[in-house]
Amino acid sequence: FSTGYDECDVLTNDWWTQEAGGLPKHSLLVAKPLLEGS
C-alpha cells in the first residue's frame, strides 16, 4: 500500500499470516503486479 525504491509497506492481517505459517523477520516474499499491462 506504500512503496519506494528501497522499502515498501505491506498490508496484511492475522488470518493470512497464520495460514502462511507466520512472517518471521527477514522472510523472503514475492510481490506480483496486480494490474499487469494496464
ModelCIF file with pLDDT and N, C-alpha, C, O atoms, coordinates in Angstrom:
data_MODEL
#
_entry.id   MODEL 
#
_entity.id                         1 
_entity.type                       polymer 
_entity.pdbx_number_of_molecules   1 
#
_entity_poly.entity_id                      1 
_entity_poly.type                           'polypeptide(L)' 
_entity_poly.nstd_linkage                   no 
_entity_poly.nstd_monomer                   no 
_entity_poly.pdbx_seq_one_letter_code       FSTGYDECDVLTNDWWTQEAGGLPKHSLLVAKPLLEGS 
_entity_poly.pdbx_seq_one_letter_code_can   FSTGYDECDVLTNDWWTQEAGGLPKHSLLVAKPLLEGS 
_entity_poly.pdbx_strand_id                 A 
#
loop_
_entity_poly_seq.entity_id 
_entity_poly_seq.num 
_entity_poly_seq.mon_id 
_entity_poly_seq.hetero 
1 1  PHE n 
1 2  SER n 
1 3  THR n 
1 4  GLY n 
1 5  TYR n 
1 6  ASP n 
1 7  GLU n 
1 8  CYS n 
1 9  ASP n 
1 10 VAL n 
1 11 LEU n 
1 12 THR n 
1 13 ASN n 
1 14 ASP n 
1 15 TRP n 
1 16 TRP n 
1 17 THR n 
1 18 GLN n 
1 19 GLU n 
1 20 ALA n 
1 21 GLY n 
1 22 GLY n 
1 23 LEU n 
1 24 PRO n 
1 25 LYS n 
1 26 HIS n 
1 27 SER n 
1 28 LEU n 
1 29 LEU n 
1 30 VAL n 
1 31 ALA n 
1 32 LYS n 
1 33 PRO n 
1 34 LEU n 
1 35 LEU n 
1 36 GLU n 
1 37 GLY n 
1 38 SER n 
#
_struct_asym.id          A 
_struct_asym.entity_id   1 
#
loop_
_ma_qa_metric.id 
_ma_qa_metric.mode 
_ma_qa_metric.name 
_ma_qa_metric.software_group_id 
_ma_qa_metric.type 
1 global pLDDT . pLDDT 
2 local  pLDDT . pLDDT 
#
_ma_qa_metric_global.metric_id      1 
_ma_qa_metric_global.metric_value   88.45 
_ma_qa_metric_global.model_id       1 
_ma_qa_metric_global.ordinal_id     1 
#
loop_
_ma_qa_metric_local.label_asym_id 
_ma_qa_metric_local.label_comp_id 
_ma_qa_metric_local.label_seq_id 
_ma_qa_metric_local.metric_id 
_ma_qa_metric_local.metric_value 
_ma_qa_metric_local.model_id 
_ma_qa_metric_local.ordinal_id 
A PHE 1  2 91.00 1 1  
A SER 2  2 90.00 1 2  
A THR 3  2 88.00 1 3  
A GLY 4  2 88.00 1 4  
A TYR 5  2 92.00 1 5  
A ASP 6  2 94.00 1 6  
A GLU 7  2 94.00 1 7  
A CYS 8  2 94.00 1 8  
A ASP 9  2 94.00 1 9  
A VAL 10 2 94.00 1 10 
A LEU 11 2 93.00 1 11 
A THR 12 2 93.00 1 12 
A ASN 13 2 91.00 1 13 
A ASP 14 2 88.00 1 14 
A TRP 15 2 88.00 1 15 
A TRP 16 2 91.00 1 16 
A THR 17 2 91.00 1 17 
A GLN 18 2 88.00 1 18 
A GLU 19 2 89.00 1 19 
A ALA 20 2 91.00 1 20 
A GLY 21 2 90.00 1 21 
A GLY 22 2 91.00 1 22 
A LEU 23 2 93.00 1 23 
A PRO 24 2 94.00 1 24 
A LYS 25 2 95.00 1 25 
A HIS 26 2 96.00 1 26 
A SER 27 2 96.00 1 27 
A LEU 28 2 98.00 1 28 
A LEU 29 2 98.00 1 29 
A VAL 30 2 97.00 1 30 
A ALA 31 2 95.00 1 31 
A LYS 32 2 92.00 1 32 
A PRO 33 2 87.00 1 33 
A LEU 34 2 80.00 1 34 
A LEU 35 2 69.00 1 35 
A GLU 36 2 65.00 1 36 
A GLY 37 2 53.00 1 37 
A SER 38 2 50.00 1 38 
#
loop_
_atom_site.group_PDB 
_atom_site.id 
_atom_site.type_symbol 
_atom_site.label_atom_id 
_atom_site.label_alt_id 
_atom_site.label_comp_id 
_atom_site.label_asym_id 
_atom_site.label_entity_id 
_atom_site.label_seq_id 
_atom_site.pdbx_PDB_ins_code 
_atom_site.Cartn_x 
_atom_site.Cartn_y 
_atom_site.Cartn_z 
_atom_site.occupancy 
_atom_site.B_iso_or_equiv 
_atom_site.pdbx_formal_charge 
_atom_site.auth_seq_id 
_atom_site.auth_comp_id 
_atom_site.auth_asym_id 
_atom_site.auth_atom_id 
_atom_site.pdbx_PDB_model_num 
ATOM 1   N N  . PHE A 1 1  ? 0.812  -1.219  0.000   1.00 91.00 ? 1  PHE A N  1 
ATOM 2   C CA . PHE A 1 1  ? 0.000  0.000   0.000   1.00 91.00 ? 1  PHE A CA 1 
ATOM 3   C C  . PHE A 1 1  ? 0.847  1.272   0.000   1.00 91.00 ? 1  PHE A C  1 
ATOM 4   O O  . PHE A 1 1  ? 0.317  2.366   -0.199  1.00 91.00 ? 1  PHE A O  1 
ATOM 5   N N  . SER A 1 2  ? 2.145  1.142   0.219   1.00 90.00 ? 2  SER A N  1 
ATOM 6   C CA . SER A 1 2  ? 3.038  2.290   0.132   1.00 90.00 ? 2  SER A CA 1 
ATOM 7   C C  . SER A 1 2  ? 4.397  1.771   -0.266  1.00 90.00 ? 2  SER A C  1 
ATOM 8   O O  . SER A 1 2  ? 4.918  0.841   0.349   1.00 90.00 ? 2  SER A O  1 
ATOM 9   N N  . THR A 1 3  ? 4.979  2.368   -1.297  1.00 88.00 ? 3  THR A N  1 
ATOM 10  C CA . THR A 1 3  ? 6.213  1.790   -1.808  1.00 88.00 ? 3  THR A CA 1 
ATOM 11  C C  . THR A 1 3  ? 7.211  2.867   -2.200  1.00 88.00 ? 3  THR A C  1 
ATOM 12  O O  . THR A 1 3  ? 6.865  4.038   -2.353  1.00 88.00 ? 3  THR A O  1 
ATOM 13  N N  . GLY A 1 4  ? 8.453  2.440   -2.358  1.00 88.00 ? 4  GLY A N  1 
ATOM 14  C CA . GLY A 1 4  ? 9.540  3.288   -2.813  1.00 88.00 ? 4  GLY A CA 1 
ATOM 15  C C  . GLY A 1 4  ? 10.573 2.421   -3.485  1.00 88.00 ? 4  GLY A C  1 
ATOM 16  O O  . GLY A 1 4  ? 10.327 1.244   -3.746  1.00 88.00 ? 4  GLY A O  1 
ATOM 17  N N  . TYR A 1 5  ? 11.725 2.990   -3.766  1.00 92.00 ? 5  TYR A N  1 
ATOM 18  C CA . TYR A 1 5  ? 12.750 2.219   -4.455  1.00 92.00 ? 5  TYR A CA 1 
ATOM 19  C C  . TYR A 1 5  ? 13.469 1.231   -3.539  1.00 92.00 ? 5  TYR A C  1 
ATOM 20  O O  . TYR A 1 5  ? 13.983 0.214   -4.005  1.00 92.00 ? 5  TYR A O  1 
ATOM 21  N N  . ASP A 1 6  ? 13.506 1.520   -2.257  1.00 94.00 ? 6  ASP A N  1 
ATOM 22  C CA . ASP A 1 6  ? 14.268 0.685   -1.329  1.00 94.00 ? 6  ASP A CA 1 
ATOM 23  C C  . ASP A 1 6  ? 13.398 -0.046  -0.310  1.00 94.00 ? 6  ASP A C  1 
ATOM 24  O O  . ASP A 1 6  ? 13.777 -1.113  0.173   1.00 94.00 ? 6  ASP A O  1 
ATOM 25  N N  . GLU A 1 7  ? 12.241 0.515   0.020   1.00 94.00 ? 7  GLU A N  1 
ATOM 26  C CA . GLU A 1 7  ? 11.358 -0.075  1.018   1.00 94.00 ? 7  GLU A CA 1 
ATOM 27  C C  . GLU A 1 7  ? 9.918  0.012   0.556   1.00 94.00 ? 7  GLU A C  1 
ATOM 28  O O  . GLU A 1 7  ? 9.573  0.813   -0.313  1.00 94.00 ? 7  GLU A O  1 
ATOM 29  N N  . CYS A 1 8  ? 9.086  -0.824  1.151   1.00 94.00 ? 8  CYS A N  1 
ATOM 30  C CA . CYS A 1 8  ? 7.652  -0.738  0.898   1.00 94.00 ? 8  CYS A CA 1 
ATOM 31  C C  . CYS A 1 8  ? 6.909  -1.184  2.150   1.00 94.00 ? 8  CYS A C  1 
ATOM 32  O O  . CYS A 1 8  ? 7.463  -1.873  3.006   1.00 94.00 ? 8  CYS A O  1 
ATOM 33  N N  . ASP A 1 9  ? 5.648  -0.782  2.240   1.00 94.00 ? 9  ASP A N  1 
ATOM 34  C CA . ASP A 1 9  ? 4.783  -1.184  3.347   1.00 94.00 ? 9  ASP A CA 1 
ATOM 35  C C  . ASP A 1 9  ? 3.711  -2.118  2.817   1.00 94.00 ? 9  ASP A C  1 
ATOM 36  O O  . ASP A 1 9  ? 3.096  -1.858  1.783   1.00 94.00 ? 9  ASP A O  1 
ATOM 37  N N  . VAL A 1 10 ? 3.496  -3.207  3.539   1.00 94.00 ? 10 VAL A N  1 
ATOM 38  C CA . VAL A 1 10 ? 2.576  -4.257  3.104   1.00 94.00 ? 10 VAL A CA 1 
ATOM 39  C C  . VAL A 1 10 ? 1.413  -4.347  4.088   1.00 94.00 ? 10 VAL A C  1 
ATOM 40  O O  . VAL A 1 10 ? 1.610  -4.431  5.300   1.00 94.00 ? 10 VAL A O  1 
ATOM 41  N N  . LEU A 1 11 ? 0.209  -4.326  3.546   1.00 93.00 ? 11 LEU A N  1 
ATOM 42  C CA . LEU A 1 11 ? -0.988 -4.552  4.359   1.00 93.00 ? 11 LEU A CA 1 
ATOM 43  C C  . LEU A 1 11 ? -1.197 -6.052  4.508   1.00 93.00 ? 11 LEU A C  1 
ATOM 44  O O  . LEU A 1 11 ? -1.249 -6.771  3.509   1.00 93.00 ? 11 LEU A O  1 
ATOM 45  N N  . THR A 1 12 ? -1.317 -6.530  5.734   1.00 93.00 ? 12 THR A N  1 
ATOM 46  C CA . THR A 1 12 ? -1.558 -7.956  5.978   1.00 93.00 ? 12 THR A CA 1 
ATOM 47  C C  . THR A 1 12 ? -2.568 -8.088  7.102   1.00 93.00 ? 12 THR A C  1 
ATOM 48  O O  . THR A 1 12 ? -2.998 -7.082  7.668   1.00 93.00 ? 12 THR A O  1 
ATOM 49  N N  . ASN A 1 13 ? -2.948 -9.295  7.431   1.00 91.00 ? 13 ASN A N  1 
ATOM 50  C CA . ASN A 1 13 ? -3.813 -9.500  8.599   1.00 91.00 ? 13 ASN A CA 1 
ATOM 51  C C  . ASN A 1 13 ? -3.464 -10.824 9.261   1.00 91.00 ? 13 ASN A C  1 
ATOM 52  O O  . ASN A 1 13 ? -2.752 -11.650 8.688   1.00 91.00 ? 13 ASN A O  1 
ATOM 53  N N  . ASP A 1 14 ? -3.964 -11.013 10.454  1.00 88.00 ? 14 ASP A N  1 
ATOM 54  C CA . ASP A 1 14 ? -3.574 -12.165 11.268  1.00 88.00 ? 14 ASP A CA 1 
ATOM 55  C C  . ASP A 1 14 ? -3.940 -13.486 10.608  1.00 88.00 ? 14 ASP A C  1 
ATOM 56  O O  . ASP A 1 14 ? -3.211 -14.470 10.735  1.00 88.00 ? 14 ASP A O  1 
ATOM 57  N N  . TRP A 1 15 ? -5.076 -13.512 9.897   1.00 88.00 ? 15 TRP A N  1 
ATOM 58  C CA . TRP A 1 15 ? -5.519 -14.762 9.268   1.00 88.00 ? 15 TRP A CA 1 
ATOM 59  C C  . TRP A 1 15 ? -4.530 -15.190 8.190   1.00 88.00 ? 15 TRP A C  1 
ATOM 60  O O  . TRP A 1 15 ? -4.082 -16.337 8.168   1.00 88.00 ? 15 TRP A O  1 
ATOM 61  N N  . TRP A 1 16 ? -4.192 -14.259 7.293   1.00 91.00 ? 16 TRP A N  1 
ATOM 62  C CA . TRP A 1 16 ? -3.232 -14.596 6.232   1.00 91.00 ? 16 TRP A CA 1 
ATOM 63  C C  . TRP A 1 16 ? -1.888 -15.017 6.823   1.00 91.00 ? 16 TRP A C  1 
ATOM 64  O O  . TRP A 1 16 ? -1.265 -15.973 6.361   1.00 91.00 ? 16 TRP A O  1 
ATOM 65  N N  . THR A 1 17 ? -1.457 -14.294 7.842   1.00 91.00 ? 17 THR A N  1 
ATOM 66  C CA . THR A 1 17 ? -0.162 -14.589 8.454   1.00 91.00 ? 17 THR A CA 1 
ATOM 67  C C  . THR A 1 17 ? -0.134 -15.978 9.058   1.00 91.00 ? 17 THR A C  1 
ATOM 68  O O  . THR A 1 17 ? 0.834  -16.718 8.880   1.00 91.00 ? 17 THR A O  1 
ATOM 69  N N  . GLN A 1 18 ? -1.207 -16.341 9.783   1.00 88.00 ? 18 GLN A N  1 
ATOM 70  C CA . GLN A 1 18 ? -1.233 -17.654 10.420  1.00 88.00 ? 18 GLN A CA 1 
ATOM 71  C C  . GLN A 1 18 ? -1.336 -18.761 9.386   1.00 88.00 ? 18 GLN A C  1 
ATOM 72  O O  . GLN A 1 18 ? -0.692 -19.801 9.529   1.00 88.00 ? 18 GLN A O  1 
ATOM 73  N N  . GLU A 1 19 ? -2.133 -18.556 8.351   1.00 89.00 ? 19 GLU A N  1 
ATOM 74  C CA . GLU A 1 19 ? -2.256 -19.554 7.285   1.00 89.00 ? 19 GLU A CA 1 
ATOM 75  C C  . GLU A 1 19 ? -0.920 -19.771 6.568   1.00 89.00 ? 19 GLU A C  1 
ATOM 76  O O  . GLU A 1 19 ? -0.627 -20.870 6.098   1.00 89.00 ? 19 GLU A O  1 
ATOM 77  N N  . ALA A 1 20 ? -0.113 -18.702 6.492   1.00 91.00 ? 20 ALA A N  1 
ATOM 78  C CA . ALA A 1 20 ? 1.175  -18.799 5.797   1.00 91.00 ? 20 ALA A CA 1 
ATOM 79  C C  . ALA A 1 20 ? 2.279  -19.337 6.691   1.00 91.00 ? 20 ALA A C  1 
ATOM 80  O O  . ALA A 1 20 ? 3.431  -19.443 6.270   1.00 91.00 ? 20 ALA A O  1 
ATOM 81  N N  . GLY A 1 21 ? 1.923  -19.678 7.937   1.00 90.00 ? 21 GLY A N  1 
ATOM 82  C CA . GLY A 1 21 ? 2.946  -20.196 8.840   1.00 90.00 ? 21 GLY A CA 1 
ATOM 83  C C  . GLY A 1 21 ? 3.782  -19.108 9.463   1.00 90.00 ? 21 GLY A C  1 
ATOM 84  O O  . GLY A 1 21 ? 4.916  -19.356 9.874   1.00 90.00 ? 21 GLY A O  1 
ATOM 85  N N  . GLY A 1 22 ? 3.244  -17.907 9.541   1.00 91.00 ? 22 GLY A N  1 
ATOM 86  C CA . GLY A 1 22 ? 3.951  -16.801 10.167  1.00 91.00 ? 22 GLY A CA 1 
ATOM 87  C C  . GLY A 1 22 ? 4.785  -16.011 9.173   1.00 91.00 ? 22 GLY A C  1 
ATOM 88  O O  . GLY A 1 22 ? 5.087  -16.472 8.072   1.00 91.00 ? 22 GLY A O  1 
ATOM 89  N N  . LEU A 1 23 ? 5.147  -14.811 9.594   1.00 93.00 ? 23 LEU A N  1 
ATOM 90  C CA . LEU A 1 23 ? 6.020  -13.946 8.797   1.00 93.00 ? 23 LEU A CA 1 
ATOM 91  C C  . LEU A 1 23 ? 7.211  -13.534 9.655   1.00 93.00 ? 23 LEU A C  1 
ATOM 92  O O  . LEU A 1 23 ? 7.231  -12.424 10.188  1.00 93.00 ? 23 LEU A O  1 
ATOM 93  N N  . PRO A 1 24 ? 8.197  -14.407 9.795   1.00 94.00 ? 24 PRO A N  1 
ATOM 94  C CA . PRO A 1 24 ? 9.363  -14.068 10.618  1.00 94.00 ? 24 PRO A CA 1 
ATOM 95  C C  . PRO A 1 24 ? 10.126 -12.885 10.026  1.00 94.00 ? 24 PRO A C  1 
ATOM 96  O O  . PRO A 1 24 ? 10.055 -12.616 8.826   1.00 94.00 ? 24 PRO A O  1 
ATOM 97  N N  . LYS A 1 25 ? 10.842 -12.201 10.878  1.00 95.00 ? 25 LYS A N  1 
ATOM 98  C CA . LYS A 1 25 ? 11.725 -11.154 10.397  1.00 95.00 ? 25 LYS A CA 1 
ATOM 99  C C  . LYS A 1 25 ? 12.738 -11.768 9.427   1.00 95.00 ? 25 LYS A C  1 
ATOM 100 O O  . LYS A 1 25 ? 13.252 -12.863 9.655   1.00 95.00 ? 25 LYS A O  1 
ATOM 101 N N  . HIS A 1 26 ? 13.011 -11.046 8.348   1.00 96.00 ? 26 HIS A N  1 
ATOM 102 C CA . HIS A 1 26 ? 13.943 -11.449 7.287   1.00 96.00 ? 26 HIS A CA 1 
ATOM 103 C C  . HIS A 1 26 ? 13.318 -12.433 6.300   1.00 96.00 ? 26 HIS A C  1 
ATOM 104 O O  . HIS A 1 26 ? 14.012 -12.937 5.417   1.00 96.00 ? 26 HIS A O  1 
ATOM 105 N N  . SER A 1 27 ? 12.000 -12.719 6.436   1.00 96.00 ? 27 SER A N  1 
ATOM 106 C CA . SER A 1 27 ? 11.355 -13.615 5.468   1.00 96.00 ? 27 SER A CA 1 
ATOM 107 C C  . SER A 1 27 ? 11.457 -13.038 4.063   1.00 96.00 ? 27 SER A C  1 
ATOM 108 O O  . SER A 1 27 ? 11.345 -11.829 3.864   1.00 96.00 ? 27 SER A O  1 
ATOM 109 N N  . LEU A 1 28 ? 11.669 -13.917 3.097   1.00 98.00 ? 28 LEU A N  1 
ATOM 110 C CA . LEU A 1 28 ? 11.676 -13.522 1.695   1.00 98.00 ? 28 LEU A CA 1 
ATOM 111 C C  . LEU A 1 28 ? 10.262 -13.650 1.134   1.00 98.00 ? 28 LEU A C  1 
ATOM 112 O O  . LEU A 1 28 ? 9.640  -14.708 1.242   1.00 98.00 ? 28 LEU A O  1 
ATOM 113 N N  . LEU A 1 29 ? 9.764  -12.589 0.545   1.00 98.00 ? 29 LEU A N  1 
ATOM 114 C CA . LEU A 1 29 ? 8.420  -12.543 -0.016  1.00 98.00 ? 29 LEU A CA 1 
ATOM 115 C C  . LEU A 1 29 ? 8.499  -12.135 -1.480  1.00 98.00 ? 29 LEU A C  1 
ATOM 116 O O  . LEU A 1 29 ? 9.466  -11.504 -1.905  1.00 98.00 ? 29 LEU A O  1 
ATOM 117 N N  . VAL A 1 30 ? 7.471  -12.500 -2.251  1.00 97.00 ? 30 VAL A N  1 
ATOM 118 C CA . VAL A 1 30 ? 7.410  -12.159 -3.667  1.00 97.00 ? 30 VAL A CA 1 
ATOM 119 C C  . VAL A 1 30 ? 6.174  -11.309 -3.906  1.00 97.00 ? 30 VAL A C  1 
ATOM 120 O O  . VAL A 1 30 ? 5.068  -11.690 -3.521  1.00 97.00 ? 30 VAL A O  1 
ATOM 121 N N  . ALA A 1 31 ? 6.357  -10.171 -4.534  1.00 95.00 ? 31 ALA A N  1 
ATOM 122 C CA . ALA A 1 31 ? 5.247  -9.258  -4.830  1.00 95.00 ? 31 ALA A CA 1 
ATOM 123 C C  . ALA A 1 31 ? 4.992  -9.252  -6.330  1.00 95.00 ? 31 ALA A C  1 
ATOM 124 O O  . ALA A 1 31 ? 5.870  -8.912  -7.124  1.00 95.00 ? 31 ALA A O  1 
ATOM 125 N N  . LYS A 1 32 ? 3.751  -9.641  -6.711  1.00 92.00 ? 32 LYS A N  1 
ATOM 126 C CA . LYS A 1 32 ? 3.382  -9.719  -8.127  1.00 92.00 ? 32 LYS A CA 1 
ATOM 127 C C  . LYS A 1 32 ? 2.495  -8.540  -8.497  1.00 92.00 ? 32 LYS A C  1 
ATOM 128 O O  . LYS A 1 32 ? 1.631  -8.151  -7.711  1.00 92.00 ? 32 LYS A O  1 
ATOM 129 N N  . PRO A 1 33 ? 2.695  -7.953  -9.704  1.00 87.00 ? 33 PRO A N  1 
ATOM 130 C CA . PRO A 1 33 ? 1.837  -6.857  -10.132 1.00 87.00 ? 33 PRO A CA 1 
ATOM 131 C C  . PRO A 1 33 ? 0.367  -7.274  -10.155 1.00 87.00 ? 33 PRO A C  1 
ATOM 132 O O  . PRO A 1 33 ? 0.030  -8.366  -10.612 1.00 87.00 ? 33 PRO A O  1 
ATOM 133 N N  . LEU A 1 34 ? -0.493 -6.403  -9.664  1.00 80.00 ? 34 LEU A N  1 
ATOM 134 C CA . LEU A 1 34 ? -1.929 -6.702  -9.610  1.00 80.00 ? 34 LEU A CA 1 
ATOM 135 C C  . LEU A 1 34 ? -2.608 -6.451  -10.944 1.00 80.00 ? 34 LEU A C  1 
ATOM 136 O O  . LEU A 1 34 ? -3.464 -7.235  -11.356 1.00 80.00 ? 34 LEU A O  1 
ATOM 137 N N  . LEU A 1 35 ? -2.245 -5.373  -11.628 1.00 69.00 ? 35 LEU A N  1 
ATOM 138 C CA . LEU A 1 35 ? -2.876 -4.998  -12.896 1.00 69.00 ? 35 LEU A CA 1 
ATOM 139 C C  . LEU A 1 35 ? -1.818 -4.926  -13.986 1.00 69.00 ? 35 LEU A C  1 
ATOM 140 O O  . LEU A 1 35 ? -1.601 -3.872  -14.584 1.00 69.00 ? 35 LEU A O  1 
ATOM 141 N N  . GLU A 1 36 ? -1.164 -6.044  -14.238 1.00 65.00 ? 36 GLU A N  1 
ATOM 142 C CA . GLU A 1 36 ? -0.090 -6.100  -15.222 1.00 65.00 ? 36 GLU A CA 1 
ATOM 143 C C  . GLU A 1 36 ? -0.614 -5.753  -16.609 1.00 65.00 ? 36 GLU A C  1 
ATOM 144 O O  . GLU A 1 36 ? -1.587 -6.352  -17.067 1.00 65.00 ? 36 GLU A O  1 
ATOM 145 N N  . GLY A 1 37 ? 0.015  -4.799  -17.281 1.00 53.00 ? 37 GLY A N  1 
ATOM 146 C CA . GLY A 1 37 ? -0.323 -4.478  -18.658 1.00 53.00 ? 37 GLY A CA 1 
ATOM 147 C C  . GLY A 1 37 ? -1.348 -3.382  -18.810 1.00 53.00 ? 37 GLY A C  1 
ATOM 148 O O  . GLY A 1 37 ? -1.609 -2.972  -19.941 1.00 53.00 ? 37 GLY A O  1 
ATOM 149 N N  . SER A 1 38 ? -1.955 -2.872  -17.734 1.00 50.00 ? 38 SER A N  1 
ATOM 150 C CA . SER A 1 38 ? -2.947 -1.802  -17.843 1.00 50.00 ? 38 SER A CA 1 
ATOM 151 C C  . SER A 1 38 ? -2.439 -0.555  -17.141 1.00 50.00 ? 38 SER A C  1 
ATOM 152 O O  . SER A 1 38 ? -3.127 0.465   -17.117 1.00 50.00 ? 38 SER A O  1 
#
